[in-house]
């Protein structure tokens, strides 16, 4: 399949998160990332906007009854930046996880400002 988006990681949060997951979960995470890279319209089952932070999204991974989230955002339209991930234990996404991702996103844009 042809890529229509490029997915990159910011710092090492995503890699650390993925390395700590079982292989089956890692495979599922990469399948969702592949969908983000290749699908023109990404279904909400894979990628959903975070209502409390403009521009922040969560990639949604589900395996059986277990759920994981990886925060990401778009830069320059076709570039997707992956941030931190976590295993979801409750109905609502923990505020501290959103705040962490939000801080990382702001940091990224601060570092990548056109000088």
PDB file of N, CA and C in Angstrom:
ATOM      1  N   UNK A   1       0.830  -1.202   0.000  1.00  0.00           N
ATOM      2  CA  UNK A   1       0.000   0.000   0.000  1.00  0.00           C
ATOM      3  C   UNK A   1       0.864   1.251   0.000  1.00  0.00           C
ATOM      4  N   UNK A   2       0.377   2.249  -0.672  1.00  0.00           N
ATOM      5  CA  UNK A   2       1.126   3.488  -0.769  1.00  0.00           C
ATOM      6  C   UNK A   2       0.890   4.355   0.465  1.00  0.00           C
ATOM      7  N   UNK A   3       1.953   4.935   0.950  1.00  0.00           N
ATOM      8  CA  UNK A   3       1.843   5.829   2.110  1.00  0.00           C
ATOM      9  C   UNK A   3       1.350   7.193   1.651  1.00  0.00           C
ATOM     10  N   UNK A   4       0.374   7.725   2.383  1.00  0.00           N
ATOM     11  CA  UNK A   4      -0.066   9.093   2.105  1.00  0.00           C
ATOM     12  C   UNK A   4       0.333  10.024   3.245  1.00  0.00           C
ATOM     13  N   UNK A   5       0.811   9.439   4.339  1.00  0.00           N
ATOM     14  CA  UNK A   5       1.307  10.217   5.469  1.00  0.00           C
ATOM     15  C   UNK A   5       2.608   9.611   5.945  1.00  0.00           C
ATOM     16  N   UNK A   6       3.413  10.440   6.535  1.00  0.00           N
ATOM     17  CA  UNK A   6       4.636   9.938   7.148  1.00  0.00           C
ATOM     18  C   UNK A   6       4.454   9.985   8.654  1.00  0.00           C
ATOM     19  N   UNK A   7       4.766   8.873   9.308  1.00  0.00           N
ATOM     20  CA  UNK A   7       4.647   8.810  10.758  1.00  0.00           C
ATOM     21  C   UNK A   7       6.056   8.799  11.347  1.00  0.00           C
ATOM     22  N   UNK A   8       6.311   9.740  12.237  1.00  0.00           N
ATOM     23  CA  UNK A   8       7.620   9.807  12.901  1.00  0.00           C
ATOM     24  C   UNK A   8       7.411   9.896  14.410  1.00  0.00           C
ATOM     25  N   UNK A   9       8.470   9.627  15.157  1.00  0.00           N
ATOM     26  CA  UNK A   9       8.348   9.709  16.616  1.00  0.00           C
ATOM     27  C   UNK A   9       9.048  10.967  17.119  1.00  0.00           C
ATOM     28  N   UNK A  10       8.531  11.485  18.216  1.00  0.00           N
ATOM     29  CA  UNK A  10       9.154  12.632  18.864  1.00  0.00           C
ATOM     30  C   UNK A  10       9.814  12.132  20.138  1.00  0.00           C
ATOM     31  N   UNK A  11      11.097  12.365  20.262  1.00  0.00           N
ATOM     32  CA  UNK A  11      11.899  11.893  21.398  1.00  0.00           C
ATOM     33  C   UNK A  11      11.764  10.374  21.494  1.00  0.00           C
ATOM     34  N   UNK A  12      11.846   9.795  22.694  1.00  0.00           N
ATOM     35  CA  UNK A  12      11.850   8.324  22.756  1.00  0.00           C
ATOM     36  C   UNK A  12      10.655   7.735  23.514  1.00  0.00           C
ATOM     37  N   UNK A  13       9.658   8.564  23.810  1.00  0.00           N
ATOM     38  CA  UNK A  13       8.525   8.079  24.602  1.00  0.00           C
ATOM     39  C   UNK A  13       7.792   6.909  23.950  1.00  0.00           C
ATOM     40  N   UNK A  14       7.557   7.035  22.647  1.00  0.00           N
ATOM     41  CA  UNK A  14       6.820   5.990  21.937  1.00  0.00           C
ATOM     42  C   UNK A  14       7.608   4.678  21.934  1.00  0.00           C
ATOM     43  N   UNK A  15       8.912   4.766  21.604  1.00  0.00           N
ATOM     44  CA  UNK A  15       9.736   3.557  21.550  1.00  0.00           C
ATOM     45  C   UNK A  15       9.787   2.845  22.900  1.00  0.00           C
ATOM     46  N   UNK A  16       9.949   3.608  23.966  1.00  0.00           N
ATOM     47  CA  UNK A  16       9.995   3.025  25.313  1.00  0.00           C
ATOM     48  C   UNK A  16       8.673   2.316  25.599  1.00  0.00           C
ATOM     49  N   UNK A  17       7.568   2.964  25.263  1.00  0.00           N
ATOM     50  CA  UNK A  17       6.239   2.391  25.471  1.00  0.00           C
ATOM     51  C   UNK A  17       6.080   1.077  24.697  1.00  0.00           C
ATOM     52  N   UNK A  18       6.426   1.084  23.414  1.00  0.00           N
ATOM     53  CA  UNK A  18       6.237  -0.105  22.564  1.00  0.00           C
ATOM     54  C   UNK A  18       7.100  -1.270  23.046  1.00  0.00           C
ATOM     55  N   UNK A  19       8.350  -0.986  23.394  1.00  0.00           N
ATOM     56  CA  UNK A  19       9.260  -2.057  23.847  1.00  0.00           C
ATOM     57  C   UNK A  19       8.727  -2.780  25.078  1.00  0.00           C
ATOM     58  N   UNK A  20       7.928  -2.084  25.878  1.00  0.00           N
ATOM     59  CA  UNK A  20       7.396  -2.688  27.102  1.00  0.00           C
ATOM     60  C   UNK A  20       6.099  -3.460  26.888  1.00  0.00           C
ATOM     61  N   UNK A  21       5.646  -3.567  25.643  1.00  0.00           N
ATOM     62  CA  UNK A  21       4.401  -4.278  25.351  1.00  0.00           C
ATOM     63  C   UNK A  21       4.707  -5.676  24.819  1.00  0.00           C
ATOM     64  N   UNK A  22       3.778  -6.625  25.053  1.00  0.00           N
ATOM     65  CA  UNK A  22       3.957  -7.965  24.469  1.00  0.00           C
ATOM     66  C   UNK A  22       3.970  -7.878  22.937  1.00  0.00           C
ATOM     67  N   UNK A  23       4.566  -8.865  22.283  1.00  0.00           N
ATOM     68  CA  UNK A  23       4.719  -8.856  20.828  1.00  0.00           C
ATOM     69  C   UNK A  23       3.394  -8.673  20.092  1.00  0.00           C
ATOM     70  N   UNK A  24       2.353  -9.362  20.565  1.00  0.00           N
ATOM     71  CA  UNK A  24       1.028  -9.246  19.912  1.00  0.00           C
ATOM     72  C   UNK A  24       0.529  -7.806  19.922  1.00  0.00           C
ATOM     73  N   UNK A  25       0.757  -7.134  21.033  1.00  0.00           N
ATOM     74  CA  UNK A  25       0.334  -5.732  21.168  1.00  0.00           C
ATOM     75  C   UNK A  25       1.176  -4.856  20.241  1.00  0.00           C
ATOM     76  N   UNK A  26       2.485  -5.103  20.208  1.00  0.00           N
ATOM     77  CA  UNK A  26       3.367  -4.347  19.311  1.00  0.00           C
ATOM     78  C   UNK A  26       2.884  -4.478  17.867  1.00  0.00           C
ATOM     79  N   UNK A  27       2.561  -5.697  17.452  1.00  0.00           N
ATOM     80  CA  UNK A  27       2.082  -5.926  16.081  1.00  0.00           C
ATOM     81  C   UNK A  27       0.812  -5.150  15.799  1.00  0.00           C
ATOM     82  N   UNK A  28      -0.089  -5.142  16.772  1.00  0.00           N
ATOM     83  CA  UNK A  28      -1.356  -4.419  16.607  1.00  0.00           C
ATOM     84  C   UNK A  28      -1.104  -2.908  16.523  1.00  0.00           C
ATOM     85  N   UNK A  29      -0.201  -2.404  17.350  1.00  0.00           N
ATOM     86  CA  UNK A  29       0.150  -0.984  17.325  1.00  0.00           C
ATOM     87  C   UNK A  29       0.670  -0.609  15.935  1.00  0.00           C
ATOM     88  N   UNK A  30       1.545  -1.447  15.377  1.00  0.00           N
ATOM     89  CA  UNK A  30       2.107  -1.139  14.061  1.00  0.00           C
ATOM     90  C   UNK A  30       1.073  -1.258  12.943  1.00  0.00           C
ATOM     91  N   UNK A  31       0.081  -2.122  13.141  1.00  0.00           N
ATOM     92  CA  UNK A  31      -1.024  -2.225  12.167  1.00  0.00           C
ATOM     93  C   UNK A  31      -1.837  -0.929  12.148  1.00  0.00           C
ATOM     94  N   UNK A  32      -2.107  -0.392  13.325  1.00  0.00           N
ATOM     95  CA  UNK A  32      -2.857   0.865  13.429  1.00  0.00           C
ATOM     96  C   UNK A  32      -2.039   2.009  12.821  1.00  0.00           C
ATOM     97  N   UNK A  33      -0.737   2.028  13.081  1.00  0.00           N
ATOM     98  CA  UNK A  33       0.125   3.058  12.499  1.00  0.00           C
ATOM     99  C   UNK A  33       0.123   2.946  10.972  1.00  0.00           C
ATOM    100  N   UNK A  34       0.146   1.715  10.474  1.00  0.00           N
ATOM    101  CA  UNK A  34       0.100   1.495   9.027  1.00  0.00           C
ATOM    102  C   UNK A  34      -1.208   2.046   8.445  1.00  0.00           C
ATOM    103  N   UNK A  35      -2.314   1.846   9.157  1.00  0.00           N
ATOM    104  CA  UNK A  35      -3.607   2.394   8.713  1.00  0.00           C
ATOM    105  C   UNK A  35      -3.538   3.921   8.660  1.00  0.00           C
ATOM    106  N   UNK A  36      -2.916   4.532   9.660  1.00  0.00           N
ATOM    107  CA  UNK A  36      -2.772   5.992   9.699  1.00  0.00           C
ATOM    108  C   UNK A  36      -1.929   6.473   8.509  1.00  0.00           C
ATOM    109  N   UNK A  37      -0.919   5.691   8.157  1.00  0.00           N
ATOM    110  CA  UNK A  37      -0.036   6.068   7.037  1.00  0.00           C
ATOM    111  C   UNK A  37      -0.711   5.927   5.674  1.00  0.00           C
ATOM    112  N   UNK A  38      -1.581   4.937   5.546  1.00  0.00           N
ATOM    113  CA  UNK A  38      -2.047   4.570   4.206  1.00  0.00           C
ATOM    114  C   UNK A  38      -3.505   4.907   3.886  1.00  0.00           C
ATOM    115  N   UNK A  39      -4.351   5.065   4.892  1.00  0.00           N
ATOM    116  CA  UNK A  39      -5.761   5.331   4.611  1.00  0.00           C
ATOM    117  C   UNK A  39      -6.025   6.819   4.426  1.00  0.00           C
ATOM    118  N   UNK A  40      -6.740   7.170   3.364  1.00  0.00           N
ATOM    119  CA  UNK A  40      -7.089   8.574   3.115  1.00  0.00           C
ATOM    120  C   UNK A  40      -7.935   9.111   4.271  1.00  0.00           C
ATOM    121  N   UNK A  41      -8.974   8.343   4.613  1.00  0.00           N
ATOM    122  CA  UNK A  41      -9.823   8.707   5.747  1.00  0.00           C
ATOM    123  C   UNK A  41      -9.627   7.668   6.839  1.00  0.00           C
ATOM    124  N   UNK A  42      -9.080   8.097   7.949  1.00  0.00           N
ATOM    125  CA  UNK A  42      -8.786   7.167   9.045  1.00  0.00           C
ATOM    126  C   UNK A  42     -10.027   7.029   9.924  1.00  0.00           C
ATOM    127  N   UNK A  43     -10.552   5.808  10.070  1.00  0.00           N
ATOM    128  CA  UNK A  43     -11.753   5.646  10.905  1.00  0.00           C
ATOM    129  C   UNK A  43     -11.475   6.004  12.369  1.00  0.00           C
ATOM    130  N   UNK A  44     -12.512   6.472  13.053  1.00  0.00           N
ATOM    131  CA  UNK A  44     -12.380   6.853  14.468  1.00  0.00           C
ATOM    132  C   UNK A  44     -11.992   5.682  15.349  1.00  0.00           C
ATOM    133  N   UNK A  45     -12.215   4.466  14.875  1.00  0.00           N
ATOM    134  CA  UNK A  45     -11.799   3.304  15.664  1.00  0.00           C
ATOM    135  C   UNK A  45     -10.279   3.257  15.783  1.00  0.00           C
ATOM    136  N   UNK A  46      -9.569   3.911  14.849  1.00  0.00           N
ATOM    137  CA  UNK A  46      -8.102   3.949  14.884  1.00  0.00           C
ATOM    138  C   UNK A  46      -7.533   5.265  15.374  1.00  0.00           C
ATOM    139  N   UNK A  47      -8.215   6.353  15.073  1.00  0.00           N
ATOM    140  CA  UNK A  47      -7.656   7.665  15.398  1.00  0.00           C
ATOM    141  C   UNK A  47      -8.778   8.613  15.780  1.00  0.00           C
ATOM    142  N   UNK A  48      -8.667   9.161  16.974  1.00  0.00           N
ATOM    143  CA  UNK A  48      -9.731  10.039  17.452  1.00  0.00           C
ATOM    144  C   UNK A  48      -9.141  11.308  18.060  1.00  0.00           C
ATOM    145  N   UNK A  49      -9.797  12.420  17.789  1.00  0.00           N
ATOM    146  CA  UNK A  49      -9.330  13.703  18.330  1.00  0.00           C
ATOM    147  C   UNK A  49      -9.593  13.765  19.832  1.00  0.00           C
ATOM    148  N   UNK A  50      -8.670  14.388  20.547  1.00  0.00           N
ATOM    149  CA  UNK A  50      -8.847  14.656  21.980  1.00  0.00           C
ATOM    150  C   UNK A  50      -9.569  15.999  22.075  1.00  0.00           C
ATOM    151  N   UNK A  51     -10.741  15.984  22.666  1.00  0.00           N
ATOM    152  CA  UNK A  51     -11.572  17.198  22.700  1.00  0.00           C
ATOM    153  C   UNK A  51     -10.970  18.328  23.521  1.00  0.00           C
ATOM    154  N   UNK A  52     -10.201  17.971  24.553  1.00  0.00           N
ATOM    155  CA  UNK A  52      -9.693  19.008  25.455  1.00  0.00           C
ATOM    156  C   UNK A  52      -8.406  19.678  24.970  1.00  0.00           C
ATOM    157  N   UNK A  53      -7.796  19.153  23.905  1.00  0.00           N
ATOM    158  CA  UNK A  53      -6.556  19.766  23.409  1.00  0.00           C
ATOM    159  C   UNK A  53      -6.599  19.811  21.888  1.00  0.00           C
ATOM    160  N   UNK A  54      -6.724  20.996  21.352  1.00  0.00           N
ATOM    161  CA  UNK A  54      -6.812  21.173  19.902  1.00  0.00           C
ATOM    162  C   UNK A  54      -5.580  20.592  19.214  1.00  0.00           C
ATOM    163  N   UNK A  55      -5.807  19.761  18.209  1.00  0.00           N
ATOM    164  CA  UNK A  55      -4.706  19.213  17.427  1.00  0.00           C
ATOM    165  C   UNK A  55      -4.147  17.895  17.934  1.00  0.00           C
ATOM    166  N   UNK A  56      -4.550  17.496  19.143  1.00  0.00           N
ATOM    167  CA  UNK A  56      -4.041  16.241  19.715  1.00  0.00           C
ATOM    168  C   UNK A  56      -5.000  15.093  19.390  1.00  0.00           C
ATOM    169  N   UNK A  57      -4.424  13.964  19.012  1.00  0.00           N
ATOM    170  CA  UNK A  57      -5.218  12.780  18.680  1.00  0.00           C
ATOM    171  C   UNK A  57      -4.723  11.588  19.478  1.00  0.00           C
ATOM    172  N   UNK A  58      -5.567  10.564  19.571  1.00  0.00           N
ATOM    173  CA  UNK A  58      -5.100   9.307  20.144  1.00  0.00           C
ATOM    174  C   UNK A  58      -5.294   8.211  19.119  1.00  0.00           C
ATOM    175  N   UNK A  59      -4.212   7.458  18.885  1.00  0.00           N
ATOM    176  CA  UNK A  59      -4.298   6.252  18.058  1.00  0.00           C
ATOM    177  C   UNK A  59      -4.835   5.182  18.998  1.00  0.00           C
ATOM    178  N   UNK A  60      -5.848   4.452  18.528  1.00  0.00           N
ATOM    179  CA  UNK A  60      -6.558   3.525  19.397  1.00  0.00           C
ATOM    180  C   UNK A  60      -6.217   2.082  19.039  1.00  0.00           C
ATOM    181  N   UNK A  61      -5.717   1.353  20.027  1.00  0.00           N
ATOM    182  CA  UNK A  61      -5.328  -0.030  19.820  1.00  0.00           C
ATOM    183  C   UNK A  61      -6.133  -0.900  20.775  1.00  0.00           C
ATOM    184  N   UNK A  62      -6.744  -1.939  20.233  1.00  0.00           N
ATOM    185  CA  UNK A  62      -7.513  -2.829  21.083  1.00  0.00           C
ATOM    186  C   UNK A  62      -7.160  -4.263  20.737  1.00  0.00           C
ATOM    187  N   UNK A  63      -6.954  -5.065  21.757  1.00  0.00           N
ATOM    188  CA  UNK A  63      -6.654  -6.476  21.588  1.00  0.00           C
ATOM    189  C   UNK A  63      -7.451  -7.203  22.658  1.00  0.00           C
ATOM    190  N   UNK A  64      -8.437  -7.954  22.231  1.00  0.00           N
ATOM    191  CA  UNK A  64      -9.336  -8.580  23.203  1.00  0.00           C
ATOM    192  C   UNK A  64     -10.034  -7.487  23.975  1.00  0.00           C
ATOM    193  N   UNK A  65     -10.007  -7.578  25.297  1.00  0.00           N
ATOM    194  CA  UNK A  65     -10.671  -6.539  26.100  1.00  0.00           C
ATOM    195  C   UNK A  65      -9.674  -5.490  26.582  1.00  0.00           C
ATOM    196  N   UNK A  66      -8.428  -5.600  26.136  1.00  0.00           N
ATOM    197  CA  UNK A  66      -7.408  -4.632  26.542  1.00  0.00           C
ATOM    198  C   UNK A  66      -7.310  -3.495  25.531  1.00  0.00           C
ATOM    199  N   UNK A  67      -7.048  -2.305  26.056  1.00  0.00           N
ATOM    200  CA  UNK A  67      -7.009  -1.111  25.216  1.00  0.00           C
ATOM    201  C   UNK A  67      -5.731  -0.327  25.494  1.00  0.00           C
ATOM    202  N   UNK A  68      -5.117   0.132  24.412  1.00  0.00           N
ATOM    203  CA  UNK A  68      -3.933   1.001  24.519  1.00  0.00           C
ATOM    204  C   UNK A  68      -4.192   2.261  23.718  1.00  0.00           C
ATOM    205  N   UNK A  69      -3.501   3.325  24.090  1.00  0.00           N
ATOM    206  CA  UNK A  69      -3.599   4.580  23.354  1.00  0.00           C
ATOM    207  C   UNK A  69      -2.202   5.113  23.105  1.00  0.00           C
ATOM    208  N   UNK A  70      -2.034   5.685  21.920  1.00  0.00           N
ATOM    209  CA  UNK A  70      -0.778   6.372  21.609  1.00  0.00           C
ATOM    210  C   UNK A  70      -1.176   7.759  21.130  1.00  0.00           C
ATOM    211  N   UNK A  71      -0.680   8.782  21.807  1.00  0.00           N
ATOM    212  CA  UNK A  71      -1.010  10.146  21.407  1.00  0.00           C
ATOM    213  C   UNK A  71      -0.191  10.553  20.202  1.00  0.00           C
ATOM    214  N   UNK A  72      -0.797  11.357  19.351  1.00  0.00           N
ATOM    215  CA  UNK A  72      -0.088  11.852  18.179  1.00  0.00           C
ATOM    216  C   UNK A  72      -0.747  13.145  17.710  1.00  0.00           C
ATOM    217  N   UNK A  73      -0.086  13.802  16.756  1.00  0.00           N
ATOM    218  CA  UNK A  73      -0.659  15.010  16.173  1.00  0.00           C
ATOM    219  C   UNK A  73      -0.086  15.173  14.773  1.00  0.00           C
ATOM    220  N   UNK A  74      -0.690  16.064  14.022  1.00  0.00           N
ATOM    221  CA  UNK A  74      -0.249  16.306  12.651  1.00  0.00           C
ATOM    222  C   UNK A  74       0.607  17.555  12.604  1.00  0.00           C
ATOM    223  N   UNK A  75       1.637  17.502  11.787  1.00  0.00           N
ATOM    224  CA  UNK A  75       2.453  18.674  11.533  1.00  0.00           C
ATOM    225  C   UNK A  75       2.557  18.808  10.016  1.00  0.00           C
ATOM    226  N   UNK A  76       2.329  19.986   9.510  1.00  0.00           N
ATOM    227  CA  UNK A  76       2.375  20.236   8.063  1.00  0.00           C
ATOM    228  C   UNK A  76       1.494  19.265   7.277  1.00  0.00           C
ATOM    229  N   UNK A  77       0.346  18.936   7.836  1.00  0.00           N
ATOM    230  CA  UNK A  77      -0.655  18.156   7.107  1.00  0.00           C
ATOM    231  C   UNK A  77      -0.427  16.675   6.963  1.00  0.00           C
ATOM    232  N   UNK A  78       0.692  16.278   6.391  1.00  0.00           N
ATOM    233  CA  UNK A  78       0.903  14.865   6.068  1.00  0.00           C
ATOM    234  C   UNK A  78       1.898  14.158   6.990  1.00  0.00           C
ATOM    235  N   UNK A  79       2.387  14.883   7.974  1.00  0.00           N
ATOM    236  CA  UNK A  79       3.357  14.300   8.895  1.00  0.00           C
ATOM    237  C   UNK A  79       2.660  14.036  10.219  1.00  0.00           C
ATOM    238  N   UNK A  80       2.740  12.812  10.696  1.00  0.00           N
ATOM    239  CA  UNK A  80       2.114  12.457  11.967  1.00  0.00           C
ATOM    240  C   UNK A  80       3.220  12.213  12.985  1.00  0.00           C
ATOM    241  N   UNK A  81       3.132  12.897  14.112  1.00  0.00           N
ATOM    242  CA  UNK A  81       4.150  12.790  15.151  1.00  0.00           C
ATOM    243  C   UNK A  81       3.607  11.947  16.300  1.00  0.00           C
ATOM    244  N   UNK A  82       4.292  10.845  16.611  1.00  0.00           N
ATOM    245  CA  UNK A  82       3.866   9.980  17.713  1.00  0.00           C
ATOM    246  C   UNK A  82       4.494  10.450  19.019  1.00  0.00           C
ATOM    247  N   UNK A  83       3.685  10.445  20.064  1.00  0.00           N
ATOM    248  CA  UNK A  83       4.160  10.867  21.386  1.00  0.00           C
ATOM    249  C   UNK A  83       4.146   9.675  22.337  1.00  0.00           C
ATOM    250  N   UNK A  84       3.660   9.887  23.541  1.00  0.00           N
ATOM    251  CA  UNK A  84       3.621   8.841  24.554  1.00  0.00           C
ATOM    252  C   UNK A  84       2.429   7.900  24.354  1.00  0.00           C
ATOM    253  N   UNK A  85       2.546   6.709  24.908  1.00  0.00           N
ATOM    254  CA  UNK A  85       1.453   5.743  24.871  1.00  0.00           C
ATOM    255  C   UNK A  85       1.221   5.181  26.258  1.00  0.00           C
ATOM    256  N   UNK A  86       0.081   4.533  26.440  1.00  0.00           N
ATOM    257  CA  UNK A  86      -0.216   3.909  27.730  1.00  0.00           C
ATOM    258  C   UNK A  86      -1.307   2.867  27.546  1.00  0.00           C
ATOM    259  N   UNK A  87      -1.415   1.969  28.526  1.00  0.00           N
ATOM    260  CA  UNK A  87      -2.519   1.010  28.513  1.00  0.00           C
ATOM    261  C   UNK A  87      -3.676   1.628  29.278  1.00  0.00           C
ATOM    262  N   UNK A  88      -4.832   1.582  28.657  1.00  0.00           N
ATOM    263  CA  UNK A  88      -6.005   2.228  29.232  1.00  0.00           C
ATOM    264  C   UNK A  88      -6.694   1.267  30.188  1.00  0.00           C
ATOM    265  N   UNK A  89      -6.907   1.723  31.409  1.00  0.00           N
ATOM    266  CA  UNK A  89      -7.504   0.864  32.434  1.00  0.00           C
ATOM    267  C   UNK A  89      -8.913   1.301  32.806  1.00  0.00           C
ATOM    268  N   UNK A  90      -9.296   2.500  32.359  1.00  0.00           N
ATOM    269  CA  UNK A  90     -10.617   2.997  32.738  1.00  0.00           C
ATOM    270  C   UNK A  90     -11.324   3.563  31.517  1.00  0.00           C
ATOM    271  N   UNK A  91     -12.578   3.921  31.673  1.00  0.00           N
ATOM    272  CA  UNK A  91     -13.397   4.434  30.587  1.00  0.00           C
ATOM    273  C   UNK A  91     -12.809   5.718  30.005  1.00  0.00           C
ATOM    274  N   UNK A  92     -12.426   6.614  30.898  1.00  0.00           N
ATOM    275  CA  UNK A  92     -11.896   7.902  30.452  1.00  0.00           C
ATOM    276  C   UNK A  92     -10.378   7.861  30.328  1.00  0.00           C
ATOM    277  N   UNK A  93      -9.866   8.581  29.343  1.00  0.00           N
ATOM    278  CA  UNK A  93      -8.419   8.713  29.206  1.00  0.00           C
ATOM    279  C   UNK A  93      -7.920   9.579  30.366  1.00  0.00           C
ATOM    280  N   UNK A  94      -6.934   9.076  31.126  1.00  0.00           N
ATOM    281  CA  UNK A  94      -6.452   9.846  32.290  1.00  0.00           C
ATOM    282  C   UNK A  94      -5.950  11.244  31.900  1.00  0.00           C
ATOM    283  N   UNK A  95      -6.357  12.225  32.654  1.00  0.00           N
ATOM    284  CA  UNK A  95      -5.998  13.618  32.396  1.00  0.00           C
ATOM    285  C   UNK A  95      -4.483  13.791  32.380  1.00  0.00           C
ATOM    286  N   UNK A  96      -3.780  13.105  33.283  1.00  0.00           N
ATOM    287  CA  UNK A  96      -2.320  13.271  33.333  1.00  0.00           C
ATOM    288  C   UNK A  96      -1.656  12.779  32.050  1.00  0.00           C
ATOM    289  N   UNK A  97      -2.221  11.766  31.409  1.00  0.00           N
ATOM    290  CA  UNK A  97      -1.673  11.283  30.136  1.00  0.00           C
ATOM    291  C   UNK A  97      -1.896  12.319  29.038  1.00  0.00           C
ATOM    292  N   UNK A  98      -3.081  12.919  29.031  1.00  0.00           N
ATOM    293  CA  UNK A  98      -3.396  13.967  28.048  1.00  0.00           C
ATOM    294  C   UNK A  98      -2.473  15.169  28.272  1.00  0.00           C
ATOM    295  N   UNK A  99      -2.281  15.528  29.549  1.00  0.00           N
ATOM    296  CA  UNK A  99      -1.422  16.673  29.868  1.00  0.00           C
ATOM    297  C   UNK A  99       0.018  16.431  29.432  1.00  0.00           C
ATOM    298  N   UNK A 100       0.493  15.198  29.634  1.00  0.00           N
ATOM    299  CA  UNK A 100       1.861  14.843  29.232  1.00  0.00           C
ATOM    300  C   UNK A 100       1.989  14.985  27.711  1.00  0.00           C
ATOM    301  N   UNK A 101       1.040  14.420  26.977  1.00  0.00           N
ATOM    302  CA  UNK A 101       1.065  14.483  25.514  1.00  0.00           C
ATOM    303  C   UNK A 101       0.963  15.923  25.033  1.00  0.00           C
ATOM    304  N   UNK A 102       0.115  16.678  25.686  1.00  0.00           N
ATOM    305  CA  UNK A 102      -0.104  18.076  25.344  1.00  0.00           C
ATOM    306  C   UNK A 102       1.186  18.879  25.510  1.00  0.00           C
ATOM    307  N   UNK A 103       1.885  18.615  26.607  1.00  0.00           N
ATOM    308  CA  UNK A 103       3.152  19.283  26.894  1.00  0.00           C
ATOM    309  C   UNK A 103       4.186  18.923  25.816  1.00  0.00           C
ATOM    310  N   UNK A 104       4.241  17.638  25.448  1.00  0.00           N
ATOM    311  CA  UNK A 104       5.181  17.186  24.422  1.00  0.00           C
ATOM    312  C   UNK A 104       4.873  17.821  23.079  1.00  0.00           C
ATOM    313  N   UNK A 105       3.600  17.939  22.751  1.00  0.00           N
ATOM    314  CA  UNK A 105       3.196  18.541  21.486  1.00  0.00           C
ATOM    315  C   UNK A 105       3.630  20.013  21.448  1.00  0.00           C
ATOM    316  N   UNK A 106       3.376  20.730  22.545  1.00  0.00           N
ATOM    317  CA  UNK A 106       3.776  22.139  22.622  1.00  0.00           C
ATOM    318  C   UNK A 106       5.296  22.275  22.495  1.00  0.00           C
ATOM    319  N   UNK A 107       6.012  21.362  23.158  1.00  0.00           N
ATOM    320  CA  UNK A 107       7.475  21.335  23.113  1.00  0.00           C
ATOM    321  C   UNK A 107       7.955  21.154  21.666  1.00  0.00           C
ATOM    322  N   UNK A 108       7.340  20.204  20.980  1.00  0.00           N
ATOM    323  CA  UNK A 108       7.700  19.913  19.588  1.00  0.00           C
ATOM    324  C   UNK A 108       7.547  21.156  18.716  1.00  0.00           C
ATOM    325  N   UNK A 109       6.400  21.832  18.833  1.00  0.00           N
ATOM    326  CA  UNK A 109       6.169  23.011  17.993  1.00  0.00           C
ATOM    327  C   UNK A 109       7.111  24.155  18.378  1.00  0.00           C
ATOM    328  N   UNK A 110       7.431  24.244  19.662  1.00  0.00           N
ATOM    329  CA  UNK A 110       8.382  25.260  20.133  1.00  0.00           C
ATOM    330  C   UNK A 110       9.752  25.018  19.489  1.00  0.00           C
ATOM    331  N   UNK A 111      10.186  23.745  19.474  1.00  0.00           N
ATOM    332  CA  UNK A 111      11.491  23.382  18.913  1.00  0.00           C
ATOM    333  C   UNK A 111      11.516  23.519  17.382  1.00  0.00           C
ATOM    334  N   UNK A 112      10.370  23.349  16.756  1.00  0.00           N
ATOM    335  CA  UNK A 112      10.327  23.325  15.300  1.00  0.00           C
ATOM    336  C   UNK A 112       9.759  24.600  14.666  1.00  0.00           C
ATOM    337  N   UNK A 113       9.754  25.652  15.468  1.00  0.00           N
ATOM    338  CA  UNK A 113       9.308  26.944  14.934  1.00  0.00           C
ATOM    339  C   UNK A 113      10.226  27.376  13.810  1.00  0.00           C
ATOM    340  N   UNK A 114       9.651  27.992  12.812  1.00  0.00           N
ATOM    341  CA  UNK A 114      10.471  28.495  11.711  1.00  0.00           C
ATOM    342  C   UNK A 114      11.189  29.746  12.225  1.00  0.00           C
ATOM    343  N   UNK A 115      12.486  29.672  12.201  1.00  0.00           N
ATOM    344  CA  UNK A 115      13.289  30.771  12.766  1.00  0.00           C
ATOM    345  C   UNK A 115      13.493  31.882  11.764  1.00  0.00           C
TER     346      UNK A 115
END
